[in-house]
C-alpha atoms as a PDB file:
ATOM      1  CA  MET A   1      -6.967   6.237 -18.726  1.00  0.00           C
ATOM      2  CA  LYS A   2      -6.885   5.933 -22.354  1.00  0.00           C
ATOM      3  CA  ARG A   3      -2.995   5.529 -22.646  1.00  0.00           C
ATOM      4  CA  LEU A   4      -2.866   2.856 -20.380  1.00  0.00           C
ATOM      5  CA  ILE A   5      -5.131   0.404 -21.713  1.00  0.00           C
ATOM      6  CA  LEU A   6      -3.615   1.371 -25.007  1.00  0.00           C
ATOM      7  CA  ALA A   7      -0.388   0.515 -23.734  1.00  0.00           C
ATOM      8  CA  ALA A   8      -1.803  -3.193 -22.260  1.00  0.00           C
ATOM      9  CA  ILE A   9      -3.730  -3.530 -25.445  1.00  0.00           C
ATOM     10  CA  LEU A  10      -0.767  -3.192 -27.349  1.00  0.00           C
ATOM     11  CA  ALA A  11       1.218  -5.246 -25.393  1.00  0.00           C
ATOM     12  CA  SER A  12      -1.206  -8.125 -25.163  1.00  0.00           C
ATOM     13  CA  ALA A  13      -1.037  -7.857 -29.117  1.00  0.00           C
ATOM     14  CA  GLY A  14       2.500  -8.314 -29.161  1.00  0.00           C
ATOM     15  CA  MET A  15       3.723  -5.006 -29.566  1.00  0.00           C
ATOM     16  CA  ALA A  16       5.481  -5.095 -26.441  1.00  0.00           C
ATOM     17  CA  HIS A  17       9.108  -3.802 -26.557  1.00  0.00           C
ATOM     18  CA  ALA A  18      12.030  -5.071 -23.911  1.00  0.00           C
ATOM     19  CA  GLN A  19      10.997  -1.924 -22.226  1.00  0.00           C
ATOM     20  CA  SER A  20       7.815  -0.219 -20.604  1.00  0.00           C
ATOM     21  CA  PRO A  21       5.136   0.834 -23.394  1.00  0.00           C
ATOM     22  CA  LEU A  22       3.889   3.387 -20.702  1.00  0.00           C
ATOM     23  CA  PRO A  23       4.898   7.341 -21.716  1.00  0.00           C
ATOM     24  CA  PHE A  24       5.247   8.201 -18.174  1.00  0.00           C
ATOM     25  CA  ALA A  25       7.401   7.473 -15.268  1.00  0.00           C
ATOM     26  CA  VAL A  26       5.586   5.308 -12.371  1.00  0.00           C
ATOM     27  CA  GLY A  27       6.646   3.857  -9.140  1.00  0.00           C
ATOM     28  CA  GLY A  28       9.073   4.129  -6.883  1.00  0.00           C
ATOM     29  CA  PRO A  29      10.429   3.001  -3.324  1.00  0.00           C
ATOM     30  CA  TYR A  30       8.060   2.583  -0.320  1.00  0.00           C
ATOM     31  CA  ALA A  31       8.558   0.905   2.902  1.00  0.00           C
ATOM     32  CA  LEU A  32       5.500  -0.900   4.459  1.00  0.00           C
ATOM     33  CA  THR A  33       4.522  -3.621   6.525  1.00  0.00           C
ATOM     34  CA  ASP A  34       2.749  -6.970   5.339  1.00  0.00           C
ATOM     35  CA  HIS A  35       0.288  -8.977   6.715  1.00  0.00           C
ATOM     36  CA  THR A  36       2.383 -11.149   8.711  1.00  0.00           C
ATOM     37  CA  GLY A  37       4.365  -8.020  10.172  1.00  0.00           C
ATOM     38  CA  LYS A  38       7.327  -8.234   8.111  1.00  0.00           C
ATOM     39  CA  ALA A  39       9.149  -4.585   6.682  1.00  0.00           C
ATOM     40  CA  ARG A  40       8.328  -4.876   2.665  1.00  0.00           C
ATOM     41  CA  THR A  41       9.689  -2.415   0.139  1.00  0.00           C
ATOM     42  CA  GLN A  42       9.223  -2.083  -3.738  1.00  0.00           C
ATOM     43  CA  ALA A  43      11.418  -4.804  -4.223  1.00  0.00           C
ATOM     44  CA  ASP A  44      10.559  -8.459  -2.948  1.00  0.00           C
ATOM     45  CA  PRO A  45      13.179  -9.911  -1.194  1.00  0.00           C
ATOM     46  CA  ASP A  46      12.748 -13.582  -2.845  1.00  0.00           C
ATOM     47  CA  GLY A  47      13.511 -11.840  -6.074  1.00  0.00           C
ATOM     48  CA  LEU A  48      10.317 -12.425  -7.475  1.00  0.00           C
ATOM     49  CA  PRO A  49       8.321 -10.186 -10.007  1.00  0.00           C
ATOM     50  CA  GLN A  50       5.115  -8.485  -8.985  1.00  0.00           C
ATOM     51  CA  LEU A  51       1.643  -7.863  -9.328  1.00  0.00           C
ATOM     52  CA  LEU A  52       0.536  -4.751  -7.259  1.00  0.00           C
ATOM     53  CA  PHE A  53      -2.550  -3.904  -6.600  1.00  0.00           C
ATOM     54  CA  PHE A  54      -4.322  -0.377  -4.466  1.00  0.00           C
ATOM     55  CA  GLY A  55      -7.459  -1.702  -3.204  1.00  0.00           C
ATOM     56  CA  TYR A  56      -8.430  -2.892   0.024  1.00  0.00           C
ATOM     57  CA  ALA A  57      -9.281  -6.414   0.979  1.00  0.00           C
ATOM     58  CA  ASN A  58     -13.315  -6.333   1.689  1.00  0.00           C
ATOM     59  CA  CYS A  59     -13.304  -3.693  -1.530  1.00  0.00           C
ATOM     60  CA  PRO A  60     -16.953  -4.648  -3.145  1.00  0.00           C
ATOM     61  CA  GLY A  61     -16.198  -2.733  -6.195  1.00  0.00           C
ATOM     62  CA  ILE A  62     -12.950  -3.021  -8.956  1.00  0.00           C
ATOM     63  CA  CYS A  63     -11.373  -5.360  -6.181  1.00  0.00           C
ATOM     64  CA  THR A  64     -13.654  -8.003  -6.509  1.00  0.00           C
ATOM     65  CA  ALA A  65     -12.053  -8.347 -10.218  1.00  0.00           C
ATOM     66  CA  ALA A  66      -8.431  -7.551  -9.656  1.00  0.00           C
ATOM     67  CA  LEU A  67      -7.856  -9.523  -6.723  1.00  0.00           C
ATOM     68  CA  PRO A  68      -9.571 -12.595  -8.773  1.00  0.00           C
ATOM     69  CA  LEU A  69      -7.465 -11.770 -11.643  1.00  0.00           C
ATOM     70  CA  MET A  70      -4.429 -11.669  -9.421  1.00  0.00           C
ATOM     71  CA  GLY A  71      -4.731 -14.995  -8.441  1.00  0.00           C
ATOM     72  CA  ASP A  72      -5.550 -16.070 -11.913  1.00  0.00           C
ATOM     73  CA  LEU A  73      -2.926 -14.751 -13.270  1.00  0.00           C
ATOM     74  CA  THR A  74      -0.580 -15.967 -10.451  1.00  0.00           C
ATOM     75  CA  ALA A  75      -1.621 -19.694 -10.986  1.00  0.00           C
ATOM     76  CA  GLN A  76      -1.408 -19.476 -14.113  1.00  0.00           C
ATOM     77  CA  LEU A  77       2.231 -17.917 -14.580  1.00  0.00           C
ATOM     78  CA  ALA A  78       3.242 -20.551 -12.154  1.00  0.00           C
ATOM     79  CA  LYS A  79       2.087 -23.362 -15.272  1.00  0.00           C
ATOM     80  CA  ALA A  80       4.584 -21.302 -17.035  1.00  0.00           C
ATOM     81  CA  ASP A  81       7.512 -22.038 -14.423  1.00  0.00           C
ATOM     82  CA  ILE A  82       7.179 -18.041 -13.619  1.00  0.00           C
ATOM     83  CA  ALA A  83       6.716 -17.402  -9.936  1.00  0.00           C
ATOM     84  CA  VAL A  84       5.305 -14.070  -9.095  1.00  0.00           C
ATOM     85  CA  ARG A  85       4.305 -12.218  -6.149  1.00  0.00           C
ATOM     86  CA  PRO A  86       0.556 -10.381  -5.601  1.00  0.00           C
ATOM     87  CA  VAL A  87       0.644  -7.476  -3.512  1.00  0.00           C
ATOM     88  CA  MET A  88      -2.006  -5.095  -2.572  1.00  0.00           C
ATOM     89  CA  ILE A  89      -1.254  -2.033  -1.215  1.00  0.00           C
ATOM     90  CA  THR A  90      -4.413  -1.035   1.291  1.00  0.00           C
ATOM     91  CA  VAL A  91      -6.224   2.486   0.422  1.00  0.00           C
ATOM     92  CA  ASP A  92      -7.967   1.452   3.877  1.00  0.00           C
ATOM     93  CA  PRO A  93      -5.745   0.788   6.676  1.00  0.00           C
ATOM     94  CA  ALA A  94      -8.233   1.651   9.370  1.00  0.00           C
ATOM     95  CA  ARG A  95      -9.822  -1.773   8.342  1.00  0.00           C
ATOM     96  CA  ASP A  96      -6.670  -3.503   6.417  1.00  0.00           C
ATOM     97  CA  THR A  97      -4.524  -4.197   9.680  1.00  0.00           C
ATOM     98  CA  ALA A  98      -1.381  -6.745   9.360  1.00  0.00           C
ATOM     99  CA  GLU A  99      -3.908  -9.045  12.021  1.00  0.00           C
ATOM    100  CA  ASN A 100      -6.689  -9.218   9.633  1.00  0.00           C
ATOM    101  CA  MET A 101      -5.573  -8.842   5.439  1.00  0.00           C
ATOM    102  CA  ALA A 102      -3.981 -12.368   5.200  1.00  0.00           C
ATOM    103  CA  GLU A 103      -7.931 -14.059   5.300  1.00  0.00           C
ATOM    104  CA  PRO A 104      -9.270 -12.031   2.647  1.00  0.00           C
ATOM    105  CA  LEU A 105      -6.270 -11.894   0.580  1.00  0.00           C
ATOM    106  CA  THR A 106      -5.050 -15.736   0.715  1.00  0.00           C
ATOM    107  CA  TYR A 107      -8.915 -16.292  -0.698  1.00  0.00           C
ATOM    108  CA  PHE A 108      -7.323 -15.207  -4.002  1.00  0.00           C
ATOM    109  CA  HIS A 109      -4.138 -16.835  -3.764  1.00  0.00           C
ATOM    110  CA  PRO A 110      -1.683 -18.615  -1.059  1.00  0.00           C
ATOM    111  CA  ASP A 111       1.071 -16.208  -1.491  1.00  0.00           C
ATOM    112  CA  PHE A 112      -1.065 -12.686  -1.533  1.00  0.00           C
ATOM    113  CA  LEU A 113       0.639 -10.371   0.498  1.00  0.00           C
ATOM    114  CA  GLY A 114      -1.111  -7.253   1.794  1.00  0.00           C
ATOM    115  CA  LEU A 115       0.334  -4.190   2.709  1.00  0.00           C
ATOM    116  CA  THR A 116       0.087  -1.167   4.986  1.00  0.00           C
ATOM    117  CA  GLY A 117       1.690   0.967   7.126  1.00  0.00           C
ATOM    118  CA  ASP A 118       1.190   4.619   8.994  1.00  0.00           C
ATOM    119  CA  ALA A 119      -0.696   7.657   7.012  1.00  0.00           C
ATOM    120  CA  ALA A 120       3.143   9.105   5.682  1.00  0.00           C
ATOM    121  CA  ALA A 121       4.135   5.410   4.656  1.00  0.00           C
ATOM    122  CA  LEU A 122       0.924   4.954   2.589  1.00  0.00           C
ATOM    123  CA  ASP A 123       0.868   8.455   1.113  1.00  0.00           C
ATOM    124  CA  THR A 124       4.464   7.582  -0.428  1.00  0.00           C
ATOM    125  CA  ALA A 125       3.560   4.842  -2.180  1.00  0.00           C
ATOM    126  CA  TYR A 126       0.169   6.326  -3.034  1.00  0.00           C
ATOM    127  CA  LYS A 127       1.888   9.480  -4.693  1.00  0.00           C
ATOM    128  CA  ALA A 128       5.061   6.777  -6.594  1.00  0.00           C
ATOM    129  CA  PHE A 129       2.489   5.458  -8.565  1.00  0.00           C
ATOM    130  CA  SER A 130      -0.293   8.663  -8.577  1.00  0.00           C
ATOM    131  CA  VAL A 131      -3.145   6.683  -7.081  1.00  0.00           C
ATOM    132  CA  ASP A 132      -5.454   8.597  -6.078  1.00  0.00           C
ATOM    133  CA  HIS A 133      -8.360   7.458  -2.901  1.00  0.00           C
ATOM    134  CA  ALA A 134     -10.935   8.740  -1.360  1.00  0.00           C
ATOM    135  CA  VAL A 135     -14.289   7.931   0.857  1.00  0.00           C
ATOM    136  CA  ALA A 136     -16.825   7.649  -2.167  1.00  0.00           C
ATOM    137  CA  TYR A 137     -19.613   7.488   0.639  1.00  0.00           C
ATOM    138  CA  GLU A 138     -20.526   5.759   3.747  1.00  0.00           C
ATOM    139  CA  ASP A 139     -22.306   2.314   3.655  1.00  0.00           C
ATOM    140  CA  PRO A 140     -24.952   2.365   6.656  1.00  0.00           C
ATOM    141  CA  ASP A 141     -24.100  -1.935   6.538  1.00  0.00           C
ATOM    142  CA  TYR A 142     -20.778  -2.253   5.473  1.00  0.00           C
ATOM    143  CA  GLY A 143     -18.934   1.410   5.932  1.00  0.00           C
ATOM    144  CA  PRO A 144     -16.946   3.386   4.023  1.00  0.00           C
ATOM    145  CA  VAL A 145     -16.497   2.915   0.371  1.00  0.00           C
ATOM    146  CA  TYR A 146     -13.502   4.000  -1.340  1.00  0.00           C
ATOM    147  CA  THR A 147     -12.775   5.291  -4.826  1.00  0.00           C
ATOM    148  CA  HIS A 148      -9.042   4.181  -5.067  1.00  0.00           C
ATOM    149  CA  GLY A 149      -6.660   2.982  -8.396  1.00  0.00           C
ATOM    150  CA  SER A 150      -8.079   0.540 -10.795  1.00  0.00           C
ATOM    151  CA  LEU A 151      -4.833  -0.696 -12.297  1.00  0.00           C
ATOM    152  CA  ILE A 152      -2.479  -4.125 -11.702  1.00  0.00           C
ATOM    153  CA  TYR A 153       1.262  -2.631 -12.227  1.00  0.00           C
ATOM    154  CA  LEU A 154       3.254  -5.887 -13.350  1.00  0.00           C
ATOM    155  CA  MET A 155       7.035  -5.187 -11.784  1.00  0.00           C
ATOM    156  CA  ASP A 156      10.001  -6.936 -11.586  1.00  0.00           C
ATOM    157  CA  ALA A 157      11.815  -8.160  -8.687  1.00  0.00           C
ATOM    158  CA  SER A 158      13.340  -4.880  -8.035  1.00  0.00           C
ATOM    159  CA  GLY A 159      10.230  -3.193  -8.075  1.00  0.00           C
ATOM    160  CA  GLU A 160      10.188  -1.456 -11.893  1.00  0.00           C
ATOM    161  CA  VAL A 161       7.251  -0.962 -13.178  1.00  0.00           C
ATOM    162  CA  LEU A 162       7.050  -2.992 -16.537  1.00  0.00           C
ATOM    163  CA  THR A 163       3.475  -2.593 -17.783  1.00  0.00           C
ATOM    164  CA  LEU A 164      -0.306  -2.140 -16.213  1.00  0.00           C
ATOM    165  CA  ILE A 165      -2.887  -4.766 -16.429  1.00  0.00           C
ATOM    166  CA  PRO A 166      -6.513  -3.445 -16.643  1.00  0.00           C
ATOM    167  CA  PRO A 167      -8.874  -5.902 -14.076  1.00  0.00           C
ATOM    168  CA  VAL A 168     -10.716  -5.973 -17.016  1.00  0.00           C
ATOM    169  CA  MET A 169      -8.627  -8.696 -18.930  1.00  0.00           C
ATOM    170  CA  ASP A 170      -9.589 -11.727 -18.839  1.00  0.00           C
ATOM    171  CA  ALA A 171      -6.930 -14.200 -17.190  1.00  0.00           C
ATOM    172  CA  ALA A 172      -5.935 -15.492 -20.678  1.00  0.00           C
ATOM    173  CA  THR A 173      -5.387 -12.478 -22.068  1.00  0.00           C
ATOM    174  CA  ALA A 174      -3.597 -11.224 -18.912  1.00  0.00           C
ATOM    175  CA  THR A 175      -1.252 -13.973 -18.452  1.00  0.00           C
ATOM    176  CA  ASN A 176      -0.135 -13.709 -22.007  1.00  0.00           C
ATOM    177  CA  VAL A 177       0.950  -9.895 -21.592  1.00  0.00           C
ATOM    178  CA  ALA A 178       2.621 -10.656 -18.524  1.00  0.00           C
ATOM    179  CA  LEU A 179       4.527 -13.587 -20.722  1.00  0.00           C
ATOM    180  CA  LYS A 180       5.966 -11.295 -22.895  1.00  0.00           C
ATOM    181  CA  TYR A 181       7.775  -9.556 -20.182  1.00  0.00           C
ATOM    182  CA  LEU A 182       8.567 -11.781 -17.905  1.00  0.00           C
ATOM    183  CA  SER A 183       9.555 -14.699 -20.316  1.00  0.00           C
ATOM    184  CA  ASN A 184      12.684 -12.627 -21.311  1.00  0.00           C
ATOM    185  CA  PRO A 185      14.027 -10.495 -18.727  1.00  0.00           C
END
């Protein structure tokens, strides 16, 4: 975790290189379904860079920081004439279905996509991005509360990870980090 945060700090301090500062491989192919029922892979069909997060649409934890940051970051990059696609891959497919993810996600940004799939397809995505997840506890009113990944992956349009953005970063700093990778591809 310290390496991941260090990579984001180095990038925000202007020490980013044309290549990812990550000292390990992360990312890979997946095939899931978005909240409109369309098939999606790690490559954006419209050729847009992506902000990818693993969580769930009604998460009471880290998602309450990550999803709004992704919406803010998408809006700030648009002001710099850089369109990105915010994407969340669910860790709670029982509640995050194609039919019910749109409303909570588009609250954060109208272009937000929620991705789900069967257990095997989701497991492929979790493994590619080294995302662990499990039920932490059952809330009597809310239902299952999950532990899950907490980083936002900045990806190019083909699905290659460029860097990681911690959701504890403020929107201005996160925008500066993303601009370093997206302004001169």
